[in-house]
N, C-alpha and C. Protein backbone atom coordinates (compact mmCIF):
# COMPACT_ATOMS: atom_id res chain seq x y z
N MET A 1 237.87 138.00 125.57
CA MET A 1 236.84 137.44 124.67
C MET A 1 235.63 138.37 124.63
N LEU A 2 235.05 138.57 123.47
CA LEU A 2 233.94 139.51 123.34
C LEU A 2 232.70 139.03 124.08
N ASN A 3 232.01 139.98 124.67
CA ASN A 3 230.76 139.68 125.36
C ASN A 3 229.73 139.15 124.38
N LYS A 4 229.00 138.10 124.74
CA LYS A 4 228.01 137.51 123.85
C LYS A 4 226.87 138.47 123.55
N LYS A 5 226.52 139.31 124.54
CA LYS A 5 225.45 140.26 124.32
C LYS A 5 225.87 141.32 123.30
N LEU A 6 227.16 141.68 123.31
CA LEU A 6 227.65 142.63 122.33
C LEU A 6 227.54 142.07 120.93
N ILE A 7 227.91 140.79 120.78
CA ILE A 7 227.81 140.15 119.47
C ILE A 7 226.36 140.13 119.01
N ALA A 8 225.45 139.81 119.92
CA ALA A 8 224.03 139.80 119.57
C ALA A 8 223.55 141.18 119.18
N GLY A 9 224.06 142.19 119.88
CA GLY A 9 223.66 143.56 119.56
C GLY A 9 224.11 143.99 118.19
N ILE A 10 225.36 143.66 117.85
CA ILE A 10 225.88 144.04 116.53
C ILE A 10 225.16 143.26 115.44
N PHE A 11 224.86 141.99 115.69
CA PHE A 11 224.08 141.21 114.72
C PHE A 11 222.71 141.85 114.51
N SER A 12 222.08 142.29 115.62
CA SER A 12 220.78 142.96 115.51
C SER A 12 220.88 144.24 114.72
N LEU A 13 221.99 144.96 114.89
CA LEU A 13 222.21 146.19 114.13
C LEU A 13 222.26 145.90 112.64
N SER A 14 222.91 144.80 112.25
CA SER A 14 222.97 144.45 110.83
C SER A 14 221.59 144.12 110.29
N ILE A 15 220.75 143.46 111.11
CA ILE A 15 219.38 143.15 110.68
C ILE A 15 218.59 144.43 110.54
N CYS A 16 218.73 145.35 111.50
CA CYS A 16 218.01 146.63 111.43
C CYS A 16 218.36 147.38 110.16
N ALA A 17 219.64 147.30 109.75
CA ALA A 17 220.07 148.05 108.56
C ALA A 17 219.47 147.48 107.29
N CYS A 18 219.07 146.20 107.31
CA CYS A 18 218.53 145.56 106.10
C CYS A 18 217.03 145.68 105.99
N LEU A 19 216.34 146.07 107.05
CA LEU A 19 214.89 146.13 107.02
C LEU A 19 214.40 147.39 106.34
N PRO A 20 213.24 147.36 105.67
CA PRO A 20 212.65 148.57 105.11
C PRO A 20 212.19 149.48 106.23
N PRO A 21 211.99 150.78 105.96
CA PRO A 21 211.59 151.71 107.00
C PRO A 21 210.27 151.31 107.63
N ALA A 22 210.14 151.53 108.93
CA ALA A 22 208.92 151.18 109.64
C ALA A 22 207.93 152.33 109.65
N ARG A 23 208.36 153.52 109.30
CA ARG A 23 207.45 154.67 109.25
C ARG A 23 207.58 155.32 107.89
N ALA A 24 206.93 156.45 107.71
CA ALA A 24 206.87 157.08 106.38
C ALA A 24 208.18 157.77 106.05
N ASP A 25 209.24 157.01 105.88
CA ASP A 25 210.55 157.56 105.54
C ASP A 25 210.73 157.58 104.03
N PHE A 26 211.45 158.58 103.56
CA PHE A 26 211.79 158.71 102.15
C PHE A 26 213.17 158.12 101.96
N VAL A 27 213.28 157.10 101.12
CA VAL A 27 214.57 156.44 100.88
C VAL A 27 214.87 156.48 99.38
N ALA A 28 215.88 157.24 98.99
CA ALA A 28 216.27 157.31 97.58
C ALA A 28 217.00 156.04 97.18
N LEU A 29 216.79 155.60 95.93
CA LEU A 29 217.42 154.40 95.40
C LEU A 29 218.41 154.81 94.32
N ALA A 30 219.63 154.31 94.42
CA ALA A 30 220.72 154.84 93.60
C ALA A 30 220.69 154.39 92.15
N ASN A 31 220.56 153.08 91.91
CA ASN A 31 220.67 152.53 90.57
C ASN A 31 219.58 151.49 90.31
N PRO A 32 219.25 151.26 89.05
CA PRO A 32 218.23 150.24 88.72
C PRO A 32 218.82 148.84 88.79
N ASP A 33 219.14 148.40 90.00
CA ASP A 33 219.74 147.08 90.17
C ASP A 33 218.66 145.99 90.15
N ALA A 34 219.09 144.76 90.35
CA ALA A 34 218.17 143.62 90.26
C ALA A 34 217.06 143.70 91.31
N ALA A 35 217.39 144.20 92.52
CA ALA A 35 216.38 144.30 93.57
C ALA A 35 215.31 145.31 93.20
N TYR A 36 215.73 146.44 92.65
CA TYR A 36 214.77 147.49 92.23
C TYR A 36 213.87 146.98 91.11
N ILE A 37 214.45 146.33 90.12
CA ILE A 37 213.67 145.85 88.99
C ILE A 37 212.69 144.76 89.43
N ALA A 38 213.14 143.87 90.34
CA ALA A 38 212.27 142.80 90.81
C ALA A 38 211.10 143.32 91.63
N ALA A 39 211.30 144.47 92.30
CA ALA A 39 210.25 145.01 93.19
C ALA A 39 209.30 145.96 92.47
N THR A 40 209.51 146.20 91.18
CA THR A 40 208.71 147.19 90.46
C THR A 40 208.16 146.62 89.16
N ASN A 41 207.16 147.33 88.63
CA ASN A 41 206.56 146.99 87.33
C ASN A 41 206.83 148.12 86.35
N LEU A 42 207.23 147.75 85.14
CA LEU A 42 207.50 148.73 84.11
C LEU A 42 206.19 149.22 83.48
N MET A 43 206.07 150.53 83.32
CA MET A 43 204.97 151.13 82.57
C MET A 43 205.50 151.40 81.16
N PRO A 44 205.25 150.54 80.22
CA PRO A 44 205.88 150.66 78.91
C PRO A 44 205.40 151.88 78.13
N ILE A 45 206.30 152.43 77.34
CA ILE A 45 205.98 153.54 76.44
C ILE A 45 205.61 152.92 75.09
N VAL A 46 204.33 152.97 74.76
CA VAL A 46 203.81 152.26 73.59
C VAL A 46 203.45 153.26 72.49
N GLY A 47 203.89 152.96 71.28
CA GLY A 47 203.59 153.82 70.14
C GLY A 47 204.77 153.90 69.21
N ALA A 48 204.54 154.47 68.05
CA ALA A 48 205.62 154.66 67.09
C ALA A 48 206.41 155.91 67.44
N GLU A 49 207.65 155.97 66.95
CA GLU A 49 208.44 157.18 67.18
C GLU A 49 207.71 158.39 66.59
N PHE A 50 207.73 159.48 67.35
CA PHE A 50 207.08 160.76 67.04
C PHE A 50 205.60 160.77 67.44
N ASP A 51 205.02 159.61 67.80
CA ASP A 51 203.69 159.64 68.40
C ASP A 51 203.76 160.38 69.73
N THR A 52 202.63 160.87 70.21
CA THR A 52 202.59 161.52 71.51
C THR A 52 201.65 160.75 72.44
N VAL A 53 202.01 160.76 73.73
CA VAL A 53 201.19 160.08 74.74
C VAL A 53 201.03 161.01 75.94
N ASP A 54 199.86 160.92 76.59
CA ASP A 54 199.62 161.72 77.79
C ASP A 54 199.62 160.87 79.06
N SER A 55 199.97 159.58 78.92
CA SER A 55 200.04 158.68 80.07
C SER A 55 200.73 157.39 79.65
N VAL A 56 201.18 156.64 80.64
CA VAL A 56 201.68 155.28 80.40
C VAL A 56 201.06 154.37 81.46
N THR A 57 200.88 153.10 81.12
CA THR A 57 200.24 152.17 82.04
C THR A 57 200.73 150.76 81.81
N ASP A 58 200.65 149.94 82.87
CA ASP A 58 200.92 148.52 82.73
C ASP A 58 199.63 147.73 82.81
N GLY A 59 198.49 148.45 82.83
CA GLY A 59 197.19 147.80 82.94
C GLY A 59 196.64 147.76 84.35
N PHE A 60 197.49 148.02 85.34
CA PHE A 60 197.05 148.03 86.73
C PHE A 60 197.19 149.41 87.36
N ASN A 61 198.21 150.14 86.98
CA ASN A 61 198.42 151.50 87.47
C ASN A 61 198.78 152.37 86.28
N THR A 62 198.41 153.64 86.35
CA THR A 62 198.64 154.57 85.24
C THR A 62 199.33 155.82 85.75
N ALA A 63 200.32 156.28 85.00
CA ALA A 63 200.99 157.55 85.28
C ALA A 63 200.52 158.57 84.27
N PHE A 64 199.87 159.64 84.75
CA PHE A 64 199.36 160.69 83.89
C PHE A 64 200.34 161.87 83.86
N PHE A 65 200.50 162.47 82.68
CA PHE A 65 201.42 163.59 82.52
C PHE A 65 200.64 164.90 82.52
N ARG A 66 201.08 165.83 83.37
CA ARG A 66 200.40 167.12 83.48
C ARG A 66 201.43 168.22 83.58
N SER A 67 200.98 169.46 83.40
CA SER A 67 201.86 170.62 83.60
C SER A 67 202.25 170.67 85.07
N PRO A 68 203.37 171.35 85.41
CA PRO A 68 203.88 171.31 86.79
C PRO A 68 202.93 171.85 87.86
N ALA A 69 202.06 172.79 87.52
CA ALA A 69 201.18 173.36 88.53
C ALA A 69 200.25 172.29 89.08
N PRO A 70 199.88 172.38 90.36
CA PRO A 70 198.92 171.42 90.92
C PRO A 70 197.65 171.38 90.09
N PHE A 71 197.15 170.18 89.83
CA PHE A 71 195.96 169.98 89.00
C PHE A 71 196.15 170.63 87.63
N GLY A 72 197.38 170.55 87.09
CA GLY A 72 197.70 171.16 85.81
C GLY A 72 197.01 170.49 84.65
N ILE A 73 197.16 171.12 83.49
CA ILE A 73 196.52 170.60 82.29
C ILE A 73 197.30 169.38 81.77
N PRO A 74 196.63 168.44 81.09
CA PRO A 74 197.33 167.26 80.56
C PRO A 74 198.40 167.66 79.55
N LEU A 75 199.49 166.91 79.54
CA LEU A 75 200.57 167.12 78.59
C LEU A 75 200.71 165.89 77.70
N SER A 76 200.96 166.11 76.41
CA SER A 76 201.25 165.03 75.49
C SER A 76 202.73 165.08 75.15
N LEU A 77 203.45 164.00 75.41
CA LEU A 77 204.89 163.95 75.21
C LEU A 77 205.24 163.11 73.99
N PRO A 78 206.14 163.62 73.12
CA PRO A 78 206.55 162.84 71.96
C PRO A 78 207.48 161.70 72.33
N ILE A 79 207.36 160.59 71.59
CA ILE A 79 208.20 159.41 71.81
C ILE A 79 209.40 159.48 70.87
N PHE A 80 210.60 159.31 71.44
CA PHE A 80 211.82 159.25 70.65
C PHE A 80 212.53 157.93 70.96
N ASP A 81 213.23 157.41 69.97
CA ASP A 81 214.03 156.21 70.16
C ASP A 81 215.51 156.58 70.27
N VAL A 82 216.20 155.97 71.21
CA VAL A 82 217.64 156.21 71.35
C VAL A 82 218.37 155.66 70.14
N GLY A 83 219.27 156.46 69.60
CA GLY A 83 219.99 156.09 68.39
C GLY A 83 219.35 156.66 67.14
N SER A 84 218.16 157.20 67.27
CA SER A 84 217.46 157.86 66.17
C SER A 84 217.44 159.36 66.45
N VAL A 85 216.31 159.87 66.92
CA VAL A 85 216.24 161.29 67.28
C VAL A 85 217.00 161.57 68.56
N TRP A 86 216.82 160.67 69.56
CA TRP A 86 217.54 160.85 70.81
C TRP A 86 218.91 160.21 70.66
N PHE A 87 219.96 161.01 70.82
CA PHE A 87 221.31 160.57 70.44
C PHE A 87 221.82 159.41 71.29
N SER A 88 221.74 159.50 72.61
CA SER A 88 222.33 158.45 73.46
C SER A 88 221.61 158.40 74.80
N TRP A 89 221.86 157.32 75.52
CA TRP A 89 221.35 157.16 76.88
C TRP A 89 222.52 156.70 77.72
N SER A 90 222.24 156.21 78.90
CA SER A 90 223.29 155.62 79.73
C SER A 90 223.23 154.11 79.57
N ALA A 91 224.04 153.40 80.35
CA ALA A 91 224.07 151.93 80.28
C ALA A 91 224.15 151.38 81.69
N PRO A 92 223.85 150.08 81.87
CA PRO A 92 223.98 149.49 83.20
C PRO A 92 225.40 149.72 83.76
N PRO A 93 225.55 149.96 85.05
CA PRO A 93 224.53 149.84 86.11
C PRO A 93 223.72 151.12 86.35
N PHE A 94 224.02 152.19 85.59
CA PHE A 94 223.34 153.46 85.85
C PHE A 94 221.97 153.54 85.19
N ALA A 95 221.73 152.71 84.18
CA ALA A 95 220.44 152.66 83.50
C ALA A 95 220.08 151.20 83.28
N GLU A 96 218.79 150.97 83.10
CA GLU A 96 218.32 149.59 82.90
C GLU A 96 218.76 149.05 81.55
N THR A 97 218.73 149.91 80.53
CA THR A 97 219.16 149.56 79.19
C THR A 97 219.66 150.82 78.51
N ASP A 98 220.51 150.67 77.51
CA ASP A 98 221.03 151.85 76.80
C ASP A 98 220.18 152.23 75.59
N THR A 99 219.06 151.50 75.38
CA THR A 99 218.19 151.82 74.24
C THR A 99 216.71 151.85 74.67
N PRO A 100 216.33 152.69 75.63
CA PRO A 100 214.93 152.73 76.05
C PRO A 100 214.11 153.60 75.11
N ARG A 101 212.78 153.52 75.20
CA ARG A 101 211.91 154.52 74.60
C ARG A 101 211.98 155.74 75.50
N VAL A 102 212.05 156.93 74.89
CA VAL A 102 212.24 158.17 75.65
C VAL A 102 211.08 159.11 75.38
N LEU A 103 210.59 159.76 76.44
CA LEU A 103 209.57 160.80 76.32
C LEU A 103 210.23 162.15 76.51
N ASP A 104 210.03 163.06 75.57
CA ASP A 104 210.69 164.37 75.60
C ASP A 104 209.87 165.36 76.41
N VAL A 105 210.53 166.02 77.36
CA VAL A 105 209.88 167.01 78.23
C VAL A 105 210.59 168.35 78.05
N THR A 106 209.83 169.40 77.87
CA THR A 106 210.40 170.74 77.75
C THR A 106 210.07 171.55 79.01
N ALA A 107 210.78 172.69 79.17
CA ALA A 107 210.56 173.56 80.33
C ALA A 107 209.11 174.01 80.37
N PRO A 108 208.54 174.26 81.57
CA PRO A 108 209.21 174.27 82.88
C PRO A 108 209.25 172.92 83.58
N GLY A 109 208.88 171.84 82.92
CA GLY A 109 208.94 170.53 83.56
C GLY A 109 207.63 169.78 83.44
N ILE A 110 207.43 168.82 84.34
CA ILE A 110 206.27 167.95 84.25
C ILE A 110 205.87 167.46 85.63
N ARG A 111 204.58 167.22 85.81
CA ARG A 111 204.07 166.55 87.00
C ARG A 111 203.53 165.19 86.56
N ILE A 112 204.02 164.14 87.20
CA ILE A 112 203.53 162.79 86.94
C ILE A 112 202.62 162.41 88.10
N SER A 113 201.36 162.12 87.78
CA SER A 113 200.38 161.75 88.80
C SER A 113 199.99 160.30 88.63
N LEU A 114 200.07 159.54 89.71
CA LEU A 114 199.74 158.12 89.67
C LEU A 114 198.26 157.90 89.97
N ASP A 115 197.66 157.00 89.21
CA ASP A 115 196.26 156.65 89.45
C ASP A 115 196.08 155.99 90.81
N GLN A 116 197.08 155.19 91.22
CA GLN A 116 197.08 154.54 92.53
C GLN A 116 198.42 154.82 93.20
N PRO A 117 198.40 155.19 94.49
CA PRO A 117 199.67 155.44 95.19
C PRO A 117 200.57 154.21 95.14
N ALA A 118 201.88 154.45 95.08
CA ALA A 118 202.85 153.37 94.99
C ALA A 118 203.96 153.57 96.02
N LEU A 119 204.34 152.50 96.69
CA LEU A 119 205.41 152.59 97.69
C LEU A 119 206.75 152.93 97.04
N VAL A 120 206.94 152.47 95.81
CA VAL A 120 208.16 152.75 95.06
C VAL A 120 207.77 153.38 93.73
N PHE A 121 208.47 154.44 93.35
CA PHE A 121 208.28 154.99 92.01
C PHE A 121 209.62 155.51 91.52
N GLY A 122 209.88 155.30 90.23
CA GLY A 122 211.15 155.76 89.69
C GLY A 122 211.10 155.91 88.18
N PHE A 123 212.08 156.62 87.67
CA PHE A 123 212.24 156.84 86.23
C PHE A 123 213.69 157.22 85.98
N GLU A 124 214.12 157.10 84.74
CA GLU A 124 215.44 157.57 84.34
C GLU A 124 215.28 158.88 83.58
N ALA A 125 216.28 159.76 83.70
CA ALA A 125 216.20 161.07 83.05
C ALA A 125 217.56 161.49 82.53
N GLU A 126 217.54 162.24 81.43
CA GLU A 126 218.77 162.74 80.83
C GLU A 126 218.47 164.02 80.06
N PRO A 127 219.33 165.06 80.20
CA PRO A 127 219.15 166.27 79.40
C PRO A 127 219.29 165.98 77.91
N GLN A 128 218.64 166.79 77.08
CA GLN A 128 218.76 166.60 75.64
C GLN A 128 220.09 167.11 75.12
N VAL A 129 220.59 168.22 75.66
CA VAL A 129 221.84 168.80 75.18
C VAL A 129 223.01 168.23 75.96
N PHE A 130 224.19 168.21 75.34
CA PHE A 130 225.38 167.69 76.00
C PHE A 130 225.81 168.64 77.13
N GLY A 131 226.53 168.06 78.11
CA GLY A 131 226.98 168.84 79.25
C GLY A 131 226.12 168.56 80.47
N LEU A 132 226.66 168.93 81.64
CA LEU A 132 225.95 168.71 82.90
C LEU A 132 224.80 169.69 83.06
N GLN A 133 223.65 169.16 83.43
CA GLN A 133 222.50 169.98 83.79
C GLN A 133 221.86 169.38 85.04
N THR A 134 221.30 170.25 85.86
CA THR A 134 220.68 169.81 87.10
C THR A 134 219.23 169.43 86.87
N ILE A 135 218.86 168.25 87.32
CA ILE A 135 217.47 167.79 87.26
C ILE A 135 217.01 167.47 88.68
N THR A 136 215.84 167.96 89.02
CA THR A 136 215.29 167.78 90.36
C THR A 136 213.95 167.07 90.28
N ALA A 137 213.77 166.08 91.13
CA ALA A 137 212.49 165.37 91.22
C ALA A 137 211.98 165.50 92.65
N ARG A 138 210.77 166.05 92.79
CA ARG A 138 210.14 166.19 94.10
C ARG A 138 209.01 165.16 94.21
N PHE A 139 209.12 164.29 95.18
CA PHE A 139 208.18 163.18 95.35
C PHE A 139 207.14 163.55 96.42
N PHE A 140 205.86 163.35 96.09
CA PHE A 140 204.77 163.69 97.00
C PHE A 140 204.00 162.44 97.40
N ASP A 141 203.60 162.39 98.68
CA ASP A 141 202.71 161.34 99.16
C ASP A 141 201.46 162.02 99.72
N PRO A 142 200.51 161.28 100.32
CA PRO A 142 199.28 161.92 100.81
C PRO A 142 199.52 163.03 101.84
N GLY A 143 200.69 163.04 102.47
CA GLY A 143 200.98 164.07 103.46
C GLY A 143 201.67 165.30 102.89
N GLY A 144 201.95 165.31 101.58
CA GLY A 144 202.64 166.44 100.97
C GLY A 144 204.00 166.01 100.43
N LEU A 145 204.96 166.94 100.45
CA LEU A 145 206.29 166.65 99.92
C LEU A 145 206.97 165.60 100.81
N ALA A 146 207.32 164.46 100.21
CA ALA A 146 207.97 163.38 100.95
C ALA A 146 209.48 163.48 100.90
N GLY A 147 210.02 163.93 99.77
CA GLY A 147 211.47 164.04 99.63
C GLY A 147 211.85 164.51 98.24
N THR A 148 213.12 164.89 98.10
CA THR A 148 213.61 165.46 96.84
C THR A 148 214.90 164.78 96.43
N ILE A 149 215.04 164.49 95.15
CA ILE A 149 216.28 163.98 94.58
C ILE A 149 216.76 164.99 93.54
N THR A 150 217.98 165.48 93.70
CA THR A 150 218.59 166.40 92.74
C THR A 150 219.91 165.82 92.27
N GLN A 151 220.10 165.76 90.95
CA GLN A 151 221.34 165.23 90.40
C GLN A 151 221.80 166.10 89.23
N ASP A 152 223.12 166.23 89.11
CA ASP A 152 223.72 166.84 87.93
C ASP A 152 223.93 165.72 86.92
N VAL A 153 223.23 165.81 85.79
CA VAL A 153 223.20 164.70 84.83
C VAL A 153 223.84 165.15 83.51
N GLU A 154 224.70 164.31 82.97
CA GLU A 154 225.36 164.58 81.70
C GLU A 154 224.44 164.22 80.54
N GLY A 155 224.36 165.13 79.55
CA GLY A 155 223.49 164.90 78.41
C GLY A 155 224.02 163.91 77.40
N ASP A 156 225.29 163.57 77.47
CA ASP A 156 225.89 162.62 76.54
C ASP A 156 226.03 161.27 77.25
N ALA A 157 225.07 160.39 77.05
CA ALA A 157 225.09 159.04 77.61
C ALA A 157 225.21 159.05 79.13
N GLY A 158 224.51 159.98 79.77
CA GLY A 158 224.65 160.11 81.22
C GLY A 158 223.38 159.92 82.01
N ALA A 159 222.36 159.30 81.44
CA ALA A 159 221.07 159.14 82.13
C ALA A 159 221.25 158.54 83.51
N ARG A 160 220.45 159.01 84.46
CA ARG A 160 220.51 158.51 85.83
C ARG A 160 219.11 158.21 86.35
N LEU A 161 219.06 157.33 87.34
CA LEU A 161 217.81 156.92 87.94
C LEU A 161 217.38 157.93 89.01
N PHE A 162 216.10 158.27 89.01
CA PHE A 162 215.46 159.06 90.06
C PHE A 162 214.36 158.17 90.63
N ALA A 163 214.60 157.57 91.77
CA ALA A 163 213.64 156.61 92.32
C ALA A 163 213.72 156.64 93.83
N ALA A 164 212.61 156.27 94.47
CA ALA A 164 212.58 156.28 95.94
C ALA A 164 211.50 155.35 96.46
N PHE A 165 211.62 155.05 97.76
CA PHE A 165 210.63 154.27 98.51
C PHE A 165 210.04 155.16 99.61
N ASP A 166 208.74 155.05 99.83
CA ASP A 166 208.06 155.78 100.89
C ASP A 166 206.90 154.92 101.37
N SER A 167 206.86 154.60 102.66
CA SER A 167 205.86 153.66 103.16
C SER A 167 204.44 154.23 103.14
N ARG A 168 204.27 155.52 102.87
CA ARG A 168 202.92 156.09 102.74
C ARG A 168 202.42 156.01 101.30
N GLY A 169 203.33 155.82 100.36
CA GLY A 169 202.92 155.70 98.96
C GLY A 169 202.96 157.01 98.22
N PHE A 170 203.65 157.03 97.08
CA PHE A 170 203.75 158.25 96.27
C PHE A 170 202.48 158.45 95.44
N THR A 171 202.09 159.70 95.31
CA THR A 171 200.94 160.07 94.48
C THR A 171 201.36 160.89 93.26
N ASP A 172 202.38 161.73 93.42
CA ASP A 172 202.82 162.63 92.35
C ASP A 172 204.33 162.81 92.42
N VAL A 173 204.92 163.12 91.26
CA VAL A 173 206.33 163.49 91.18
C VAL A 173 206.43 164.71 90.28
N LEU A 174 207.08 165.75 90.77
CA LEU A 174 207.28 166.98 90.01
C LEU A 174 208.73 167.03 89.55
N ILE A 175 208.95 167.07 88.23
CA ILE A 175 210.30 167.03 87.66
C ILE A 175 210.59 168.35 86.98
N SER A 176 211.76 168.93 87.28
CA SER A 176 212.14 170.22 86.68
C SER A 176 213.65 170.30 86.61
N GLY A 177 214.14 171.36 86.00
CA GLY A 177 215.58 171.60 85.95
C GLY A 177 216.04 171.97 84.56
N ALA A 178 216.46 170.95 83.79
CA ALA A 178 216.96 171.20 82.45
C ALA A 178 215.85 171.76 81.55
N ASP A 179 216.24 172.59 80.57
CA ASP A 179 215.26 173.17 79.66
C ASP A 179 214.55 172.11 78.83
N ASP A 180 215.27 171.06 78.47
CA ASP A 180 214.72 169.99 77.65
C ASP A 180 215.37 168.69 78.10
N PHE A 181 214.56 167.74 78.52
CA PHE A 181 215.12 166.48 79.01
C PHE A 181 214.18 165.33 78.65
N GLY A 182 214.73 164.12 78.69
CA GLY A 182 213.94 162.94 78.40
C GLY A 182 213.77 162.09 79.64
N ILE A 183 212.63 161.40 79.71
CA ILE A 183 212.40 160.45 80.80
C ILE A 183 212.10 159.08 80.18
N ALA A 184 212.48 158.04 80.89
CA ALA A 184 212.30 156.68 80.37
C ALA A 184 212.19 155.70 81.53
N GLN A 185 211.77 154.47 81.21
CA GLN A 185 211.73 153.38 82.18
C GLN A 185 210.98 153.76 83.45
N LEU A 186 209.74 154.23 83.29
CA LEU A 186 208.92 154.57 84.45
C LEU A 186 208.48 153.27 85.13
N ARG A 187 208.74 153.18 86.43
CA ARG A 187 208.44 151.97 87.18
C ARG A 187 207.77 152.31 88.51
N TYR A 188 206.88 151.42 88.96
CA TYR A 188 206.26 151.57 90.27
C TYR A 188 206.21 150.19 90.93
N GLY A 189 206.05 150.20 92.25
CA GLY A 189 205.93 148.94 92.97
C GLY A 189 205.37 149.15 94.36
N ASN A 190 204.88 148.08 94.95
CA ASN A 190 204.32 148.15 96.29
C ASN A 190 205.04 147.22 97.25
N THR A 191 206.30 146.88 96.90
CA THR A 191 207.16 146.09 97.77
C THR A 191 208.50 146.80 97.89
N ALA A 192 209.01 146.90 99.10
CA ALA A 192 210.31 147.56 99.29
C ALA A 192 211.41 146.72 98.65
N PRO A 193 212.30 147.35 97.86
CA PRO A 193 213.42 146.59 97.30
C PRO A 193 214.28 146.00 98.41
N VAL A 194 214.61 144.72 98.29
CA VAL A 194 215.41 144.02 99.30
C VAL A 194 216.87 144.04 98.87
N PRO A 195 217.81 144.32 99.80
CA PRO A 195 219.23 144.33 99.41
C PRO A 195 219.63 143.02 98.76
N GLU A 196 220.47 143.10 97.74
CA GLU A 196 220.95 141.89 97.08
C GLU A 196 221.84 141.11 98.03
N PRO A 197 221.93 139.77 97.87
CA PRO A 197 222.76 138.96 98.77
C PRO A 197 224.19 139.47 98.88
N SER A 198 224.75 139.97 97.79
CA SER A 198 226.12 140.46 97.83
C SER A 198 226.25 141.64 98.79
N SER A 199 225.24 142.51 98.83
CA SER A 199 225.27 143.65 99.72
C SER A 199 225.20 143.21 101.17
N VAL A 200 224.33 142.22 101.46
CA VAL A 200 224.22 141.71 102.82
C VAL A 200 225.52 141.06 103.25
N MET A 201 226.16 140.31 102.33
CA MET A 201 227.41 139.65 102.65
C MET A 201 228.50 140.66 102.96
N LEU A 202 228.58 141.74 102.17
CA LEU A 202 229.56 142.77 102.44
C LEU A 202 229.36 143.39 103.81
N MET A 203 228.10 143.60 104.20
CA MET A 203 227.81 144.15 105.52
C MET A 203 228.29 143.20 106.61
N ALA A 204 228.06 141.89 106.42
CA ALA A 204 228.47 140.91 107.42
C ALA A 204 230.00 140.89 107.55
N VAL A 205 230.70 140.97 106.41
CA VAL A 205 232.16 141.00 106.45
C VAL A 205 232.66 142.23 107.18
N ALA A 206 232.04 143.38 106.90
CA ALA A 206 232.45 144.62 107.56
C ALA A 206 232.23 144.55 109.06
N LEU A 207 231.09 143.98 109.48
CA LEU A 207 230.82 143.85 110.91
C LEU A 207 231.80 142.90 111.56
N GLY A 208 232.15 141.84 110.87
CA GLY A 208 233.13 140.90 111.41
C GLY A 208 234.48 141.56 111.62
N PHE A 209 234.89 142.39 110.68
CA PHE A 209 236.15 143.11 110.79
C PHE A 209 236.12 144.06 111.99
N LEU A 210 234.99 144.76 112.17
CA LEU A 210 234.87 145.66 113.30
C LEU A 210 234.94 144.91 114.63
N LEU A 211 234.29 143.75 114.68
CA LEU A 211 234.37 142.94 115.89
C LEU A 211 235.82 142.59 116.22
N TRP A 212 236.58 142.20 115.21
CA TRP A 212 237.98 141.82 115.42
C TRP A 212 238.81 143.01 115.87
N ARG A 213 238.56 144.18 115.26
CA ARG A 213 239.34 145.38 115.60
C ARG A 213 239.02 145.89 116.99
N TRP A 214 237.77 145.79 117.38
CA TRP A 214 237.33 146.44 118.62
C TRP A 214 237.31 145.51 119.83
N ARG A 215 237.72 144.25 119.68
CA ARG A 215 237.54 143.31 120.77
C ARG A 215 238.23 143.72 122.08
N PRO A 216 239.43 144.39 122.10
CA PRO A 216 240.01 144.75 123.39
C PRO A 216 239.28 145.90 124.08
N ARG A 217 238.50 146.68 123.33
CA ARG A 217 237.92 147.90 123.88
C ARG A 217 236.69 147.64 124.72
N PHE A 218 236.11 146.45 124.64
CA PHE A 218 234.83 146.21 125.29
C PHE A 218 234.95 145.33 126.53
N ARG A 219 236.16 145.21 127.07
CA ARG A 219 236.33 144.35 128.23
C ARG A 219 235.59 144.87 129.45
N ARG A 220 235.55 146.20 129.58
CA ARG A 220 234.89 146.76 130.76
C ARG A 220 233.88 147.83 130.40
N SER A 221 233.34 147.77 129.20
CA SER A 221 232.42 148.81 128.76
C SER A 221 231.02 148.25 128.59
N THR A 222 230.07 149.15 128.60
CA THR A 222 228.68 148.80 128.36
C THR A 222 228.20 149.60 127.17
N THR A 223 227.63 148.92 126.18
CA THR A 223 227.23 149.58 124.96
C THR A 223 225.82 149.18 124.60
N SER A 224 225.05 150.11 124.04
CA SER A 224 223.68 149.81 123.62
C SER A 224 223.61 149.89 122.11
N LEU A 225 223.15 148.79 121.50
CA LEU A 225 223.02 148.74 120.05
C LEU A 225 221.67 148.18 119.71
N CYS A 226 220.86 148.98 118.98
CA CYS A 226 219.52 148.55 118.55
C CYS A 226 218.71 148.03 119.73
N GLY A 227 218.84 148.64 120.90
CA GLY A 227 218.05 148.24 122.04
C GLY A 227 218.66 147.14 122.86
N PHE A 228 219.90 146.67 122.51
CA PHE A 228 220.57 145.63 123.26
C PHE A 228 221.65 146.28 124.14
N SER A 229 221.78 145.80 125.37
CA SER A 229 222.86 146.26 126.24
C SER A 229 223.94 145.21 126.27
N ALA A 230 225.18 145.67 126.16
CA ALA A 230 226.29 144.72 126.15
C ALA A 230 227.26 145.09 127.27
N SER A 231 227.68 144.10 128.02
CA SER A 231 228.65 144.32 129.08
C SER A 231 229.44 143.05 129.28
N LYS A 232 230.57 143.17 129.96
CA LYS A 232 231.41 141.99 130.15
C LYS A 232 230.76 141.05 131.15
N ASP A 233 230.71 139.74 130.79
CA ASP A 233 230.13 138.75 131.69
C ASP A 233 231.04 138.56 132.91
């Protein structure tokens, strides 16, 4: 029979895996799922198609567009609508919607500076031309470069999310790579996205399976998990 302390240790390990980082860790977020959307606020792209904007805001925080160099000059980006000038986007689960407002960015890229630091910041991006192109987003917090997300993104309905969590708060994001690309669905938040119930349930099932598989191995062993010691009673 499995040691009770071992069971408690493995349960604690599952809890540790679900908690947000306790220090200034950079955690990339894969897709715009329900947890990400619930934990963030959309900065809408407002204006008619072909209008240009140098920032977006939700009224509480503002993202300013500048040239890639530090303290660069302001940039005005044209607005395109998917299905009109911009041919296609991606669709859920890889994108929030397949018809977002898109801001067109040309080489050498763009620096997005936030008026207020945000624990979570993200956007979707897609090359203008068809085919795979590499897009890189470098996320900065008050301590400097916090982390980097690089993805090969398809220009034909292949938009992908570039988003992350950092407990120190993001101040700037530097985006580069493709010669011409669009960004959409800019979001920020000050709450760590919580795993969806389905994800937690899958983790519990996996841990239960491991317990069943490993039960003969712990009869005479001592194991430490998340600060718990387990041994046979």
